[in-house]
C-alpha atoms as a PDB file:
ATOM      1  CA  MET A   1      15.865 155.044 128.202  1.00  0.00           C
ATOM      2  CA  ASN A   2      14.660 152.320 125.878  1.00  0.00           C
ATOM      3  CA  GLN A   3      16.794 153.708 123.122  1.00  0.00           C
ATOM      4  CA  LYS A   4      19.884 153.720 125.377  1.00  0.00           C
ATOM      5  CA  ILE A   5      19.313 150.065 126.235  1.00  0.00           C
ATOM      6  CA  HIS A   6      18.777 149.256 122.553  1.00  0.00           C
ATOM      7  CA  LEU A   7      22.027 151.076 121.616  1.00  0.00           C
ATOM      8  CA  HIS A   8      23.862 149.321 124.419  1.00  0.00           C
ATOM      9  CA  ILE A   9      22.542 145.928 123.260  1.00  0.00           C
ATOM     10  CA  ASN A  10      23.568 146.731 119.666  1.00  0.00           C
ATOM     11  CA  SER A  11      27.031 147.703 120.866  1.00  0.00           C
ATOM     12  CA  ILE A  12      27.360 144.463 122.828  1.00  0.00           C
ATOM     13  CA  THR A  13      26.086 142.493 119.830  1.00  0.00           C
ATOM     14  CA  GLU A  14      28.632 144.146 117.516  1.00  0.00           C
ATOM     15  CA  LYS A  15      31.449 143.467 119.981  1.00  0.00           C
ATOM     16  CA  ALA A  16      30.324 139.842 120.372  1.00  0.00           C
ATOM     17  CA  SER A  17      30.199 139.490 116.590  1.00  0.00           C
ATOM     18  CA  LYS A  18      33.725 140.897 116.277  1.00  0.00           C
ATOM     19  CA  LEU A  19      34.951 138.564 118.999  1.00  0.00           C
ATOM     20  CA  ILE A  20      33.321 135.581 117.254  1.00  0.00           C
ATOM     21  CA  HIS A  21      34.996 136.619 113.985  1.00  0.00           C
ATOM     22  CA  GLN A  22      38.370 137.006 115.737  1.00  0.00           C
ATOM     23  CA  LEU A  23      37.898 133.624 117.409  1.00  0.00           C
ATOM     24  CA  SER A  24      37.182 132.021 114.038  1.00  0.00           C
ATOM     25  CA  ALA A  25      40.247 133.684 112.492  1.00  0.00           C
ATOM     26  CA  LEU A  26      42.425 132.544 115.411  1.00  0.00           C
ATOM     27  CA  LYS A  27      41.111 128.992 115.118  1.00  0.00           C
ATOM     28  CA  ASN A  28      41.980 128.978 111.394  1.00  0.00           C
ATOM     29  CA  GLU A  29      45.436 130.346 112.141  1.00  0.00           C
ATOM     30  CA  ASN A  30      45.895 127.746 114.893  1.00  0.00           C
ATOM     31  CA  GLU A  31      44.946 124.929 112.493  1.00  0.00           C
ATOM     32  CA  LYS A  32      47.439 126.226 109.915  1.00  0.00           C
ATOM     33  CA  LEU A  33      50.144 126.462 112.573  1.00  0.00           C
ATOM     34  CA  LEU A  34      49.401 122.930 113.803  1.00  0.00           C
ATOM     35  CA  ALA A  35      49.610 121.606 110.240  1.00  0.00           C
ATOM     36  CA  SER A  36      52.853 123.507 109.684  1.00  0.00           C
ATOM     37  CA  ASN A  37      54.207 122.171 112.973  1.00  0.00           C
ATOM     38  CA  LYS A  38      53.422 118.580 111.968  1.00  0.00           C
ATOM     39  CA  GLU A  39      55.073 119.149 108.592  1.00  0.00           C
ATOM     40  CA  LEU A  40      58.175 120.552 110.276  1.00  0.00           C
ATOM     41  CA  GLN A  41      58.275 117.615 112.708  1.00  0.00           C
ATOM     42  CA  VAL A  42      58.208 115.194 109.764  1.00  0.00           C
ATOM     43  CA  LYS A  43      61.007 117.132 108.049  1.00  0.00           C
ATOM     44  CA  LEU A  44      62.989 117.164 111.299  1.00  0.00           C
ATOM     45  CA  ALA A  45      62.586 113.395 111.666  1.00  0.00           C
ATOM     46  CA  GLU A  46      63.745 112.920 108.058  1.00  0.00           C
ATOM     47  CA  SER A  47      66.713 115.216 108.661  1.00  0.00           C
ATOM     48  CA  ASP A  48      67.620 113.328 111.836  1.00  0.00           C
ATOM     49  CA  GLU A  49      67.468 110.062 109.908  1.00  0.00           C
ATOM     50  CA  LYS A  50      69.717 111.473 107.168  1.00  0.00           C
ATOM     51  CA  LEU A  51      72.085 112.845 109.794  1.00  0.00           C
ATOM     52  CA  ASN A  52      72.372 109.406 111.404  1.00  0.00           C
ATOM     53  CA  GLU A  53      73.011 107.865 107.986  1.00  0.00           C
ATOM     54  CA  PHE A  54      75.747 110.435 107.321  1.00  0.00           C
ATOM     55  CA  LYS A  55      77.266 109.840 110.757  1.00  0.00           C
ATOM     56  CA  THR A  56      77.352 106.095 110.065  1.00  0.00           C
ATOM     57  CA  LEU A  57      78.860 106.690 106.634  1.00  0.00           C
ATOM     58  CA  ASN A  58      81.383 109.115 108.119  1.00  0.00           C
ATOM     59  CA  ALA A  59      82.425 106.561 110.739  1.00  0.00           C
ATOM     60  CA  LYS A  60      82.894 103.923 108.022  1.00  0.00           C
ATOM     61  CA  LEU A  61      84.909 106.354 105.902  1.00  0.00           C
ATOM     62  CA  GLU A  62      87.092 107.299 108.864  1.00  0.00           C
ATOM     63  CA  GLU A  63      87.670 103.611 109.556  1.00  0.00           C
ATOM     64  CA  SER A  64      88.567 103.024 105.904  1.00  0.00           C
ATOM     65  CA  GLN A  65      90.868 106.044 105.932  1.00  0.00           C
ATOM     66  CA  SER A  66      92.570 104.761 109.060  1.00  0.00           C
ATOM     67  CA  THR A  67      93.024 101.351 107.460  1.00  0.00           C
ATOM     68  CA  LEU A  68      94.399 102.929 104.298  1.00  0.00           C
ATOM     69  CA  LEU A  69      96.799 105.097 106.275  1.00  0.00           C
ATOM     70  CA  SER A  70      98.001 102.080 108.237  1.00  0.00           C
ATOM     71  CA  THR A  71      98.414 100.090 105.025  1.00  0.00           C
ATOM     72  CA  ASN A  72     100.183 103.023 103.400  1.00  0.00           C
ATOM     73  CA  ASP A  73     102.525 103.378 106.373  1.00  0.00           C
ATOM     74  CA  ALA A  74     103.263  99.653 106.270  1.00  0.00           C
ATOM     75  CA  SER A  75     103.741  99.839 102.517  1.00  0.00           C
ATOM     76  CA  ASN A  76     106.100 102.789 102.867  1.00  0.00           C
ATOM     77  CA  TYR A  77     108.043 100.880 105.501  1.00  0.00           C
ATOM     78  CA  SER A  78     108.235  97.853 103.204  1.00  0.00           C
ATOM     79  CA  VAL A  79     109.439 100.040 100.335  1.00  0.00           C
ATOM     80  CA  LYS A  80     112.088 101.616 102.573  1.00  0.00           C
ATOM     81  CA  GLU A  81     113.101  98.190 103.828  1.00  0.00           C
ATOM     82  CA  ARG A  82     113.355  96.813 100.280  1.00  0.00           C
ATOM     83  CA  ASN A  83     115.345  99.855  99.145  1.00  0.00           C
ATOM     84  CA  HIS A  84     117.703  99.367 102.051  1.00  0.00           C
ATOM     85  CA  GLU A  85     118.149  95.679 101.143  1.00  0.00           C
ATOM     86  CA  ILE A  86     118.765  96.593  97.491  1.00  0.00           C
ATOM     87  CA  ASP A  87     121.347  99.176  98.597  1.00  0.00           C
ATOM     88  CA  GLN A  88     123.100  96.516 100.692  1.00  0.00           C
ATOM     89  CA  ILE A  89     123.116  94.045  97.800  1.00  0.00           C
ATOM     90  CA  VAL A  90     124.500  96.732  95.449  1.00  0.00           C
ATOM     91  CA  ARG A  91     127.291  97.484  97.965  1.00  0.00           C
ATOM     92  CA  GLU A  92     128.098  93.787  98.234  1.00  0.00           C
ATOM     93  CA  ILE A  93     128.227  93.487  94.446  1.00  0.00           C
ATOM     94  CA  GLU A  94     130.486  96.564  94.257  1.00  0.00           C
ATOM     95  CA  ASN A  95     132.734  95.015  96.921  1.00  0.00           C
ATOM     96  CA  CYS A  96     132.860  91.778  94.927  1.00  0.00           C
ATOM     97  CA  ILE A  97     133.727  93.675  91.750  1.00  0.00           C
ATOM     98  CA  ASP A  98     136.437  95.567  93.602  1.00  0.00           C
ATOM     99  CA  GLN A  99     137.872  92.296  94.920  1.00  0.00           C
ATOM    100  CA  LEU A 100     137.784  90.736  91.459  1.00  0.00           C
ATOM    101  CA  LYS A 101     139.663  93.713  90.033  1.00  0.00           C
ATOM    102  CA  ARG A 102     142.556  93.149  92.433  1.00  0.00           C
END
């Protein structure tokens, strides 16, 4: 009977030792995961900051593009208007030349 109790105690001791070892391993893994989590949070914050910078830059570029397109449209209109005026002046000159030839 004594031997059975001794074997049972040894079995419990071995199981407790294994559990303590597993607990230690899990604590180490948990610490690594916490450190990794903090690292990822820092990277996420940096990425969010870069994203906001890119969004701001994108908004400025879109505004600049809009301004350029508006300027280009106005410039094209001015060119068309000037070409039309030049065409009118050329017609007037041709009319004057025709009248002088008569």
